[in-house]
Amino acid sequence: MTQAAKSRPELSFWQIWNMCFGFIGIQFGFALQNANVSRIFQTLGAEIDELPILWVAAPITGLLVQPIVGYFSDKTWNRFGRRRPYFLVGALLTSGALFVMPHSPTLWMAAGMLWIMDASINISMEPFRAFVGDMLPQRQRTLGFVMQAFFIGVGSVVASSLPWLMTNVWGMNNTAVPGIVPDSVIFSFTLGGVVLLLAMSWTIFTTREYSPEQLATFNAQEGQVESLADRIHRPAARYLKGGFAWCASGVVGAGLIYGLGLNGELYILAGGIAVFGLLQVLAGWMQNAGNTDHGVYHVTHDLFHMPRTMMQLAVVQFFSWFALFAMWIYVTPAIASFHFGATDTSGALYNQGADWSGVLQGSYNGFAMLAAFIIPLMTRKLGRKLTHAINLLLGAAGFISFVIIKDPSWLLLSMAGVGCAWASIISMPYAILSCALPGHKMGVYMGIFNFFIVIPQILAASVLGLLVGVVFEGQSIYALVLGGVCFIIAAGFTMLVDDED
């Protein structure tokens, strides 16, 4: 084998197009969920301050599913490939959940379907991030992740606008009796399930993965072989000591929440702290017993031995995704109440506001699609860090302007800034990270990286209800302003990241 053959070859534009095309389908499911789940919950009787706790399904399932799928996809190889089997399983399960969710007869069944839908989306989404690292040389990875951002934008523009299109173009009913989801939403979810299956099938059947032997050769040539986790092992005693301390903190926290009569959503935080402690205890016991060939141990071990760049990006992700989750939870009720003056979820005015919210969420993804053409040019001139920081600041301006702009039509301008931030968030951190990870742990580290997307979402689900209900006096519009402040903080931390650009 020649030296050139040992290097991961560059792929053509259309090869990258095919390998990323499935993200249209993933984003159809994701966008329909984000734009309509609060609407479905409120239609089935949820109060405004109950929305965060109902939405907690999404981050918790991501926290559990992504590192597990990443760990096993690193070790998978069969006739369907390494990552593609997970694309197929996730697509089938997500489509089924999309078909069923809008028909949920009760609020709690809808919440359960959200758990299933989000878990299924994560089964497909996590390997897609590692897929770029497997298939592309480092010099093409920014293009690969930006291509994913483009398809995310395309899918989201259409999917978020589907209820509006169903109503205004195809003449479907946009209202229904109290407790029943309108036909426009039901048919949108059905069409979304079909599109998801078709788009994922395109990537599965047009892209062939490298064999394990080829990947090992490429990783060795590119220096993506050894990691900190391969060289250093955390002593079992430290796992046990730290684990028991975290468990105790979680139990004490739960006791204080109960004793002081604090908001019930805070139990999620206490439970998360205790579970993190339990994982450390299990890792310590496994190490003492010599049973370290186990997924739980490997995920915990790798979490404590992350590359420095990954730790720095974790802080950026924390503030970025707290802001995004605040928007996804509250943008529909914020627009309906602040800009349309409506709170009755069965009324025509509320549903007009909800439909416009869907259009706006489609629009920010449309702006993200356009930003995907500009970001590669920015990175060549400014580097990845400064490009990401600038786009986060544009997103901050967009969020904060929600409370300034009164005419809902002008919120399209706000969404232009949010779209720039979104395009950068779903591409730049992954492009930076993929060049700092060992190739044989690409999947598990991409899964662990999801922790820093999920943890801020769990925190948001735990505290935003309290903030909106008490601090903001029920005015959900200020949750978006808080998101803008978080984007500003994230932009600052971006400039501290070590990037081998």
Protein backbone atom coordinates (compact mmCIF):
# COMPACT_ATOMS: atom_id res chain seq x y z
CA MET A 1 0.00 0.00 0.00
CA THR A 2 1.37 3.40 -0.95
CA GLN A 3 1.66 6.34 1.38
CA ALA A 4 -1.18 8.09 -0.48
CA ALA A 5 -3.43 5.05 -0.11
CA LYS A 6 -2.85 5.04 3.62
CA SER A 7 -4.39 8.50 3.96
CA ARG A 8 -8.13 8.93 4.23
CA PRO A 9 -9.11 10.00 0.70
CA GLU A 10 -11.02 13.18 -0.03
CA LEU A 11 -14.61 12.61 -1.14
CA SER A 12 -16.36 14.42 -3.96
CA PHE A 13 -19.07 16.99 -3.34
CA TRP A 14 -21.81 14.53 -4.27
CA GLN A 15 -20.38 11.79 -2.07
CA ILE A 16 -20.51 14.18 0.89
CA TRP A 17 -24.02 15.21 -0.21
CA ASN A 18 -25.21 11.59 -0.18
CA MET A 19 -23.65 10.76 3.20
CA CYS A 20 -25.28 13.81 4.83
CA PHE A 21 -28.65 13.68 3.04
CA GLY A 22 -30.27 11.59 5.77
CA PHE A 23 -30.09 14.57 8.10
CA ILE A 24 -33.08 16.03 6.24
CA GLY A 25 -35.10 13.14 7.61
CA ILE A 26 -33.71 13.40 11.13
CA GLN A 27 -34.46 17.10 11.17
CA PHE A 28 -38.01 16.53 9.92
CA GLY A 29 -38.67 14.59 13.10
CA PHE A 30 -36.70 17.00 15.28
CA ALA A 31 -38.36 20.13 13.84
CA LEU A 32 -41.89 18.75 14.06
CA GLN A 33 -41.17 17.84 17.66
CA ASN A 34 -39.74 21.25 18.58
CA ALA A 35 -42.40 23.31 16.81
CA ASN A 36 -45.47 21.35 17.88
CA VAL A 37 -44.94 19.37 21.08
CA SER A 38 -45.70 22.30 23.40
CA ARG A 39 -48.82 22.93 21.31
CA ILE A 40 -49.88 19.28 21.65
CA PHE A 41 -49.20 19.31 25.39
CA GLN A 42 -51.24 22.49 25.91
CA THR A 43 -54.05 21.11 23.73
CA LEU A 44 -54.19 18.04 25.97
CA GLY A 45 -54.44 20.19 29.10
CA ALA A 46 -50.88 21.14 30.18
CA GLU A 47 -50.47 24.47 31.98
CA ILE A 48 -47.72 26.88 30.93
CA ASP A 49 -45.54 26.14 33.98
CA GLU A 50 -45.83 22.38 33.37
CA LEU A 51 -44.20 22.49 29.92
CA PRO A 52 -40.54 22.25 31.07
CA ILE A 53 -41.09 19.10 33.15
CA LEU A 54 -42.96 17.46 30.27
CA TRP A 55 -40.14 18.36 27.89
CA VAL A 56 -37.53 16.78 30.14
CA ALA A 57 -38.01 13.51 28.26
CA ALA A 58 -35.94 14.81 25.36
CA PRO A 59 -32.68 15.59 27.19
CA ILE A 60 -32.84 12.60 29.52
CA THR A 61 -33.21 10.15 26.65
CA GLY A 62 -30.33 11.86 24.83
CA LEU A 63 -28.18 11.61 27.95
CA LEU A 64 -28.76 7.86 28.15
CA VAL A 65 -28.95 6.84 24.50
CA GLN A 66 -26.16 8.76 22.75
CA PRO A 67 -23.11 7.51 24.71
CA ILE A 68 -24.46 3.95 24.63
CA VAL A 69 -25.08 4.07 20.88
CA GLY A 70 -21.70 5.76 20.35
CA TYR A 71 -19.87 3.08 22.34
CA PHE A 72 -21.52 0.19 20.50
CA SER A 73 -21.29 1.79 17.07
CA ASP A 74 -17.50 2.12 17.55
CA LYS A 75 -17.41 -1.65 17.98
CA THR A 76 -20.00 -2.62 15.36
CA TRP A 77 -19.21 -4.09 11.99
CA ASN A 78 -21.53 -6.26 9.91
CA ARG A 79 -22.71 -6.45 6.32
CA PHE A 80 -24.67 -3.21 6.80
CA GLY A 81 -21.59 -1.35 8.06
CA ARG A 82 -20.53 0.39 11.26
CA ARG A 83 -22.90 3.36 11.68
CA ARG A 84 -25.60 2.60 9.11
CA PRO A 85 -27.38 -0.14 11.12
CA TYR A 86 -28.14 2.52 13.75
CA PHE A 87 -29.40 4.91 11.06
CA LEU A 88 -31.93 2.28 9.95
CA VAL A 89 -33.17 1.26 13.41
CA GLY A 90 -33.51 4.88 14.54
CA ALA A 91 -35.38 5.85 11.37
CA LEU A 92 -37.93 3.05 11.73
CA LEU A 93 -38.60 3.82 15.40
CA THR A 94 -38.80 7.59 14.89
CA SER A 95 -41.26 7.25 12.00
CA GLY A 96 -43.49 5.04 14.13
CA ALA A 97 -43.48 7.61 16.94
CA LEU A 98 -44.32 10.43 14.49
CA PHE A 99 -47.31 8.48 13.22
CA VAL A 100 -48.67 7.84 16.74
CA MET A 101 -47.92 10.97 18.80
CA PRO A 102 -50.57 13.43 17.51
CA HIS A 103 -53.22 10.77 18.09
CA SER A 104 -52.38 10.56 21.83
CA PRO A 105 -55.63 10.62 23.81
CA THR A 106 -54.03 11.86 27.05
CA LEU A 107 -51.29 14.25 28.12
CA TRP A 108 -49.24 11.49 29.71
CA MET A 109 -49.38 9.30 26.61
CA ALA A 110 -48.12 12.27 24.58
CA ALA A 111 -45.28 12.73 27.08
CA GLY A 112 -44.45 9.04 26.76
CA MET A 113 -44.39 9.26 22.97
CA LEU A 114 -41.97 12.19 23.28
CA TRP A 115 -39.61 9.88 25.21
CA ILE A 116 -39.82 7.26 22.46
CA MET A 117 -39.47 9.78 19.65
CA ASP A 118 -36.45 11.51 21.14
CA ALA A 119 -34.71 8.25 21.99
CA SER A 120 -35.24 7.06 18.42
CA ILE A 121 -33.95 10.31 16.90
CA ASN A 122 -30.83 10.01 19.07
CA ILE A 123 -30.19 6.45 17.87
CA SER A 124 -29.77 7.84 14.35
CA MET A 125 -28.29 11.24 15.14
CA GLU A 126 -25.29 10.23 17.27
CA PRO A 127 -23.70 7.90 14.68
CA PHE A 128 -24.21 10.60 12.02
CA ARG A 129 -21.75 12.86 13.86
CA ALA A 130 -19.17 10.08 14.10
CA PHE A 131 -19.91 9.14 10.46
CA VAL A 132 -18.29 12.39 9.29
CA GLY A 133 -15.17 11.62 11.31
CA ASP A 134 -15.03 8.11 9.85
CA MET A 135 -15.48 9.07 6.23
CA LEU A 136 -13.74 12.43 5.76
CA PRO A 137 -10.12 13.55 6.20
CA GLN A 138 -9.62 16.35 8.72
CA ARG A 139 -9.38 19.03 6.04
CA GLN A 140 -12.91 18.17 4.80
CA ARG A 141 -14.67 17.81 8.16
CA THR A 142 -15.74 21.44 8.42
CA LEU A 143 -17.40 21.02 5.02
CA GLY A 144 -19.02 17.77 6.17
CA PHE A 145 -20.55 19.25 9.30
CA VAL A 146 -21.61 22.40 7.46
CA MET A 147 -23.29 20.17 4.85
CA GLN A 148 -25.20 18.55 7.70
CA ALA A 149 -26.18 22.03 8.87
CA PHE A 150 -27.47 22.80 5.36
CA PHE A 151 -29.67 19.69 5.33
CA ILE A 152 -30.84 20.43 8.85
CA GLY A 153 -31.93 23.84 7.57
CA VAL A 154 -33.73 22.41 4.55
CA GLY A 155 -35.58 19.81 6.61
CA SER A 156 -36.51 22.25 9.33
CA VAL A 157 -37.84 24.95 6.97
CA VAL A 158 -40.35 22.54 5.48
CA ALA A 159 -41.18 20.54 8.61
CA SER A 160 -41.69 23.53 10.92
CA SER A 161 -44.00 25.18 8.38
CA LEU A 162 -46.07 22.07 7.61
CA PRO A 163 -49.06 22.91 9.89
CA TRP A 164 -49.23 26.40 8.35
CA LEU A 165 -49.02 24.92 4.84
CA MET A 166 -51.63 22.30 5.65
CA THR A 167 -53.99 25.07 6.80
CA ASN A 168 -53.34 27.83 4.29
CA VAL A 169 -52.45 25.87 1.16
CA TRP A 170 -54.29 22.57 1.50
CA GLY A 171 -57.24 23.91 3.51
CA MET A 172 -57.09 21.50 6.46
CA ASN A 173 -58.69 22.29 9.79
CA ASN A 174 -56.39 24.25 12.09
CA THR A 175 -58.66 24.05 15.13
CA ALA A 176 -60.47 21.24 16.88
CA VAL A 177 -62.59 20.72 19.94
CA PRO A 178 -60.73 21.10 23.26
CA GLY A 179 -58.44 18.14 23.93
CA ILE A 180 -58.10 17.12 20.27
CA VAL A 181 -55.07 17.88 18.10
CA PRO A 182 -56.00 19.67 14.83
CA ASP A 183 -55.87 17.80 11.51
CA SER A 184 -53.14 20.13 10.25
CA VAL A 185 -50.78 18.86 12.95
CA ILE A 186 -51.78 15.20 12.59
CA PHE A 187 -51.13 15.12 8.84
CA SER A 188 -47.87 17.04 9.28
CA PHE A 189 -46.54 14.34 11.60
CA THR A 190 -47.65 11.58 9.20
CA LEU A 191 -45.90 13.19 6.24
CA GLY A 192 -42.82 13.77 8.41
CA GLY A 193 -42.58 10.07 9.21
CA VAL A 194 -42.63 9.16 5.51
CA VAL A 195 -40.00 11.77 4.58
CA LEU A 196 -37.72 10.62 7.40
CA LEU A 197 -37.74 7.02 6.18
CA LEU A 198 -37.04 8.00 2.57
CA ALA A 199 -34.20 10.42 3.39
CA MET A 200 -32.44 8.02 5.74
CA SER A 201 -32.76 5.22 3.18
CA TRP A 202 -30.99 7.42 0.62
CA THR A 203 -27.90 7.76 2.82
CA ILE A 204 -27.98 4.11 3.89
CA PHE A 205 -28.05 2.77 0.33
CA THR A 206 -25.81 5.31 -1.45
CA THR A 207 -22.88 5.39 1.00
CA ARG A 208 -20.43 2.60 1.74
CA GLU A 209 -18.35 2.65 4.91
CA TYR A 210 -14.67 1.82 5.23
CA SER A 211 -13.73 -1.54 6.73
CA PRO A 212 -12.27 -1.70 10.26
CA GLU A 213 -8.83 -2.41 8.76
CA GLN A 214 -9.02 0.63 6.50
CA LEU A 215 -10.15 2.86 9.38
CA ALA A 216 -7.30 1.61 11.58
CA THR A 217 -4.79 2.48 8.83
CA PHE A 218 -6.29 5.92 8.25
CA ASN A 219 -6.35 6.73 11.98
CA ALA A 220 -2.71 5.67 12.36
CA GLN A 221 -1.68 7.83 9.41
CA GLU A 222 -3.55 10.86 10.78
CA GLY A 223 -2.28 10.39 14.34
CA GLN A 224 -5.79 9.66 15.68
CA VAL A 225 -4.83 6.52 17.58
CA GLU A 226 -3.97 7.22 21.20
CA SER A 227 -5.99 9.27 23.67
CA LEU A 228 -5.55 10.41 27.26
CA ALA A 229 -7.93 7.61 28.28
CA ASP A 230 -5.59 5.06 26.70
CA ARG A 231 -2.59 6.30 28.73
CA ILE A 232 -4.03 7.17 32.14
CA HIS A 233 -6.39 5.21 34.37
CA ARG A 234 -8.27 6.84 37.23
CA PRO A 235 -7.74 4.81 40.44
CA ALA A 236 -10.75 2.80 41.63
CA ALA A 237 -10.53 4.50 45.04
CA ARG A 238 -11.10 7.91 43.42
CA TYR A 239 -14.14 6.61 41.55
CA LEU A 240 -15.59 5.22 44.78
CA LYS A 241 -14.80 8.26 46.90
CA GLY A 242 -16.13 10.70 44.34
CA GLY A 243 -19.13 8.52 43.55
CA PHE A 244 -20.30 8.24 47.16
CA ALA A 245 -19.88 12.01 47.58
CA TRP A 246 -22.01 12.73 44.51
CA CYS A 247 -24.67 10.20 45.63
CA ALA A 248 -24.80 11.80 49.07
CA SER A 249 -25.10 15.26 47.52
CA GLY A 250 -28.04 14.13 45.42
CA VAL A 251 -29.83 12.62 48.40
CA VAL A 252 -29.22 15.71 50.55
CA GLY A 253 -30.38 17.93 47.70
CA ALA A 254 -33.61 15.95 47.35
CA GLY A 255 -34.17 16.24 51.10
CA LEU A 256 -33.72 20.01 51.01
CA ILE A 257 -36.12 20.34 48.08
CA TYR A 258 -38.72 18.37 50.00
CA GLY A 259 -38.10 20.06 53.34
CA LEU A 260 -38.17 23.59 51.94
CA GLY A 261 -41.10 22.89 49.65
CA LEU A 262 -39.17 23.94 46.55
CA ASN A 263 -40.31 23.46 42.96
CA GLY A 264 -40.74 19.77 42.12
CA GLU A 265 -38.75 20.07 38.89
CA LEU A 266 -35.61 20.48 41.01
CA TYR A 267 -35.82 16.78 41.89
CA ILE A 268 -34.53 16.15 38.36
CA LEU A 269 -31.27 17.90 39.22
CA ALA A 270 -30.94 16.03 42.51
CA GLY A 271 -31.61 12.74 40.75
CA GLY A 272 -29.05 13.53 38.05
CA ILE A 273 -26.38 14.26 40.65
CA ALA A 274 -27.11 10.95 42.41
CA VAL A 275 -27.03 8.98 39.14
CA PHE A 276 -23.67 10.51 38.20
CA GLY A 277 -22.36 9.36 41.57
CA LEU A 278 -23.77 5.89 41.05
CA LEU A 279 -21.97 5.57 37.71
CA GLN A 280 -18.67 6.39 39.41
CA VAL A 281 -19.34 3.83 42.15
CA LEU A 282 -20.09 1.18 39.51
CA ALA A 283 -16.89 2.06 37.63
CA GLY A 284 -14.86 1.75 40.83
CA TRP A 285 -16.36 -1.64 41.68
CA MET A 286 -15.79 -2.89 38.12
CA GLN A 287 -12.16 -1.81 38.22
CA ASN A 288 -11.58 -3.53 41.57
CA ALA A 289 -13.21 -6.69 40.22
CA GLY A 290 -11.15 -6.58 37.03
CA ASN A 291 -14.34 -6.30 34.96
CA THR A 292 -13.45 -3.25 32.89
CA ASP A 293 -14.56 -4.64 29.52
CA HIS A 294 -18.00 -3.13 29.97
CA GLY A 295 -19.76 -0.19 28.35
CA VAL A 296 -20.61 1.51 31.65
CA TYR A 297 -16.98 1.47 32.72
CA HIS A 298 -15.65 2.67 29.37
CA VAL A 299 -18.10 5.58 29.10
CA THR A 300 -17.38 6.69 32.68
CA HIS A 301 -13.62 6.27 32.21
CA ASP A 302 -13.59 8.22 28.95
CA LEU A 303 -15.71 10.97 30.51
CA PHE A 304 -12.98 11.59 33.11
CA HIS A 305 -10.23 11.59 30.46
CA MET A 306 -11.65 13.89 27.80
CA PRO A 307 -9.26 15.76 25.50
CA ARG A 308 -8.62 19.35 26.63
CA THR A 309 -10.38 20.80 23.57
CA MET A 310 -13.46 18.77 24.39
CA MET A 311 -13.57 20.10 27.95
CA GLN A 312 -13.33 23.66 26.69
CA LEU A 313 -16.07 23.11 24.13
CA ALA A 314 -18.25 21.59 26.86
CA VAL A 315 -18.63 25.02 28.50
CA VAL A 316 -19.53 26.61 25.16
CA GLN A 317 -22.11 23.91 24.52
CA PHE A 318 -23.62 24.27 27.98
CA PHE A 319 -24.62 27.92 27.53
CA SER A 320 -25.52 27.51 23.85
CA TRP A 321 -27.97 24.67 24.41
CA PHE A 322 -29.53 26.19 27.54
CA ALA A 323 -30.49 29.11 25.29
CA LEU A 324 -31.84 26.86 22.54
CA PHE A 325 -33.91 24.77 24.94
CA ALA A 326 -35.44 27.93 26.41
CA MET A 327 -36.54 28.87 22.89
CA TRP A 328 -37.95 25.45 22.01
CA ILE A 329 -40.01 25.31 25.20
CA TYR A 330 -41.29 28.87 25.25
CA VAL A 331 -41.26 30.36 21.76
CA THR A 332 -44.82 29.23 20.93
CA PRO A 333 -46.49 30.43 24.15
CA ALA A 334 -44.31 33.57 24.12
CA ILE A 335 -45.41 34.59 20.62
CA ALA A 336 -49.05 33.63 21.23
CA SER A 337 -49.27 35.66 24.46
CA PHE A 338 -46.83 38.57 23.90
CA HIS A 339 -47.37 39.23 20.19
CA PHE A 340 -50.91 37.88 19.60
CA GLY A 341 -52.36 38.50 23.09
CA ALA A 342 -53.84 34.99 23.31
CA THR A 343 -53.71 32.35 26.06
CA ASP A 344 -56.78 30.19 25.25
CA THR A 345 -55.25 27.17 23.50
CA SER A 346 -58.53 26.21 21.83
CA GLY A 347 -59.09 29.69 20.36
CA ALA A 348 -58.38 30.73 16.79
CA LEU A 349 -56.04 33.58 17.85
CA TYR A 350 -53.81 31.25 19.88
CA ASN A 351 -53.59 28.80 16.99
CA GLN A 352 -52.72 31.64 14.60
CA GLY A 353 -49.87 32.53 16.95
CA ALA A 354 -48.83 28.88 17.18
CA ASP A 355 -48.82 28.55 13.40
CA TRP A 356 -46.73 31.73 13.05
CA SER A 357 -44.36 30.30 15.64
CA GLY A 358 -43.94 27.24 13.42
CA VAL A 359 -43.22 29.48 10.43
CA LEU A 360 -40.64 31.42 12.45
CA GLN A 361 -38.94 28.22 13.56
CA GLY A 362 -38.89 27.15 9.94
CA SER A 363 -37.44 30.54 9.01
CA TYR A 364 -34.52 30.41 11.44
CA ASN A 365 -33.65 27.06 9.94
CA GLY A 366 -33.96 28.64 6.51
CA PHE A 367 -31.53 31.34 7.54
CA ALA A 368 -29.28 28.59 8.91
CA MET A 369 -29.40 26.93 5.50
CA LEU A 370 -28.15 30.16 3.93
CA ALA A 371 -25.56 30.63 6.67
CA ALA A 372 -24.20 27.18 5.81
CA PHE A 373 -22.88 28.65 2.55
CA ILE A 374 -21.23 31.59 4.34
CA ILE A 375 -19.66 29.81 7.34
CA PRO A 376 -16.97 27.95 5.32
CA LEU A 377 -15.91 31.29 3.82
CA MET A 378 -15.80 32.87 7.27
CA THR A 379 -13.67 30.04 8.66
CA ARG A 380 -11.09 30.49 5.90
CA LYS A 381 -10.73 34.18 6.74
CA LEU A 382 -11.33 34.22 10.51
CA GLY A 383 -10.77 30.68 11.77
CA ARG A 384 -13.36 28.43 13.38
CA LYS A 385 -13.33 30.02 16.85
CA LEU A 386 -13.98 33.60 15.80
CA THR A 387 -16.55 32.46 13.24
CA HIS A 388 -18.46 30.60 15.95
CA ALA A 389 -18.28 33.49 18.41
CA ILE A 390 -19.61 35.99 15.86
CA ASN A 391 -22.56 33.76 14.99
CA LEU A 392 -23.41 33.23 18.67
CA LEU A 393 -23.51 37.02 19.16
CA LEU A 394 -25.87 37.34 16.19
CA GLY A 395 -28.09 34.75 17.86
CA ALA A 396 -28.01 36.72 21.12
CA ALA A 397 -29.19 39.85 19.31
CA GLY A 398 -32.01 37.84 17.73
CA PHE A 399 -33.26 36.47 21.05
CA ILE A 400 -33.15 39.78 22.91
CA SER A 401 -34.99 41.57 20.09
CA PHE A 402 -38.09 39.42 20.75
CA VAL A 403 -39.02 41.66 23.67
CA ILE A 404 -38.37 44.83 21.63
CA ILE A 405 -40.23 43.95 18.43
CA LYS A 406 -44.02 44.15 18.76
CA ASP A 407 -45.13 43.34 15.18
CA PRO A 408 -44.83 39.53 14.80
CA SER A 409 -43.99 39.90 11.10
CA TRP A 410 -40.71 41.59 12.01
CA LEU A 411 -39.68 38.61 14.13
CA LEU A 412 -38.33 37.16 10.90
CA LEU A 413 -35.44 39.58 11.38
CA SER A 414 -34.85 38.19 14.88
CA MET A 415 -34.81 34.68 13.48
CA ALA A 416 -32.09 35.63 10.99
CA GLY A 417 -29.69 36.08 13.91
CA VAL A 418 -30.90 32.90 15.61
CA GLY A 419 -30.43 31.03 12.34
CA CYS A 420 -26.79 32.11 12.07
CA ALA A 421 -26.17 30.89 15.62
CA TRP A 422 -27.97 27.60 14.97
CA ALA A 423 -25.99 26.86 11.80
CA SER A 424 -22.75 27.44 13.68
CA ILE A 425 -23.79 25.45 16.79
CA ILE A 426 -24.55 22.34 14.76
CA SER A 427 -21.34 22.49 12.76
CA MET A 428 -18.39 24.40 14.27
CA PRO A 429 -18.08 22.61 17.65
CA TYR A 430 -18.18 19.22 15.91
CA ALA A 431 -15.64 20.25 13.29
CA ILE A 432 -13.28 21.44 16.03
CA LEU A 433 -13.92 18.37 18.20
CA SER A 434 -13.53 15.74 15.48
CA CYS A 435 -9.95 16.88 14.86
CA ALA A 436 -9.11 16.47 18.56
CA LEU A 437 -10.49 12.93 19.06
CA PRO A 438 -8.85 9.52 18.60
CA GLY A 439 -10.45 7.77 15.62
CA HIS A 440 -11.21 4.52 17.46
CA LYS A 441 -13.25 6.43 20.08
CA MET A 442 -15.02 8.82 17.73
CA GLY A 443 -18.47 7.40 18.47
CA VAL A 444 -18.25 7.20 22.24
CA TYR A 445 -16.72 10.68 22.57
CA MET A 446 -19.36 12.17 20.28
CA GLY A 447 -21.90 10.50 22.55
CA ILE A 448 -20.25 11.86 25.69
CA PHE A 449 -20.11 15.29 24.05
CA ASN A 450 -23.89 15.10 23.96
CA PHE A 451 -23.83 15.29 27.78
CA PHE A 452 -23.02 18.97 27.43
CA ILE A 453 -26.03 19.43 25.22
CA VAL A 454 -28.31 17.42 27.47
CA ILE A 455 -27.25 18.65 30.93
CA PRO A 456 -28.16 22.30 30.19
CA GLN A 457 -31.48 21.10 28.78
CA ILE A 458 -32.21 19.16 31.97
CA LEU A 459 -31.23 22.23 33.99
CA ALA A 460 -33.51 24.35 31.81
CA ALA A 461 -36.37 21.91 32.29
CA SER A 462 -35.74 22.03 36.05
CA VAL A 463 -35.49 25.78 36.60
CA LEU A 464 -37.18 27.58 33.71
CA GLY A 465 -40.66 26.80 34.99
CA LEU A 466 -39.71 28.37 38.32
CA LEU A 467 -38.07 31.38 36.64
CA VAL A 468 -40.98 32.03 34.29
CA GLY A 469 -43.63 31.47 36.93
CA VAL A 470 -42.01 33.42 39.78
CA VAL A 471 -39.22 35.69 38.55
CA PHE A 472 -40.77 36.58 35.17
CA GLU A 473 -44.34 36.56 36.59
CA GLY A 474 -45.62 34.17 33.93
CA GLN A 475 -44.25 36.19 30.98
CA SER A 476 -42.56 33.51 28.90
CA ILE A 477 -41.05 36.10 26.53
CA TYR A 478 -38.29 36.75 29.09
CA ALA A 479 -37.10 33.14 28.80
CA LEU A 480 -35.95 34.12 25.29
CA VAL A 481 -34.11 37.17 26.64
CA LEU A 482 -32.32 34.87 29.10
CA GLY A 483 -31.35 32.71 26.12
CA GLY A 484 -29.73 35.75 24.50
CA VAL A 485 -27.60 36.36 27.60
CA CYS A 486 -26.47 32.71 27.53
CA PHE A 487 -25.39 33.07 23.90
CA ILE A 488 -23.21 36.06 24.83
CA ILE A 489 -21.51 34.02 27.57
CA ALA A 490 -20.97 31.11 25.15
CA ALA A 491 -19.33 33.44 22.63
CA GLY A 492 -16.84 34.56 25.26
CA PHE A 493 -15.86 31.02 26.20
CA THR A 494 -15.49 30.08 22.51
CA MET A 495 -12.45 32.32 22.22
CA LEU A 496 -10.69 30.27 24.95
CA VAL A 497 -10.93 26.95 23.04
CA ASP A 498 -7.73 25.28 21.76
CA ASP A 499 -8.44 24.59 18.08
CA GLU A 500 -6.02 22.84 15.73
CA ASP A 501 -7.51 24.73 12.80
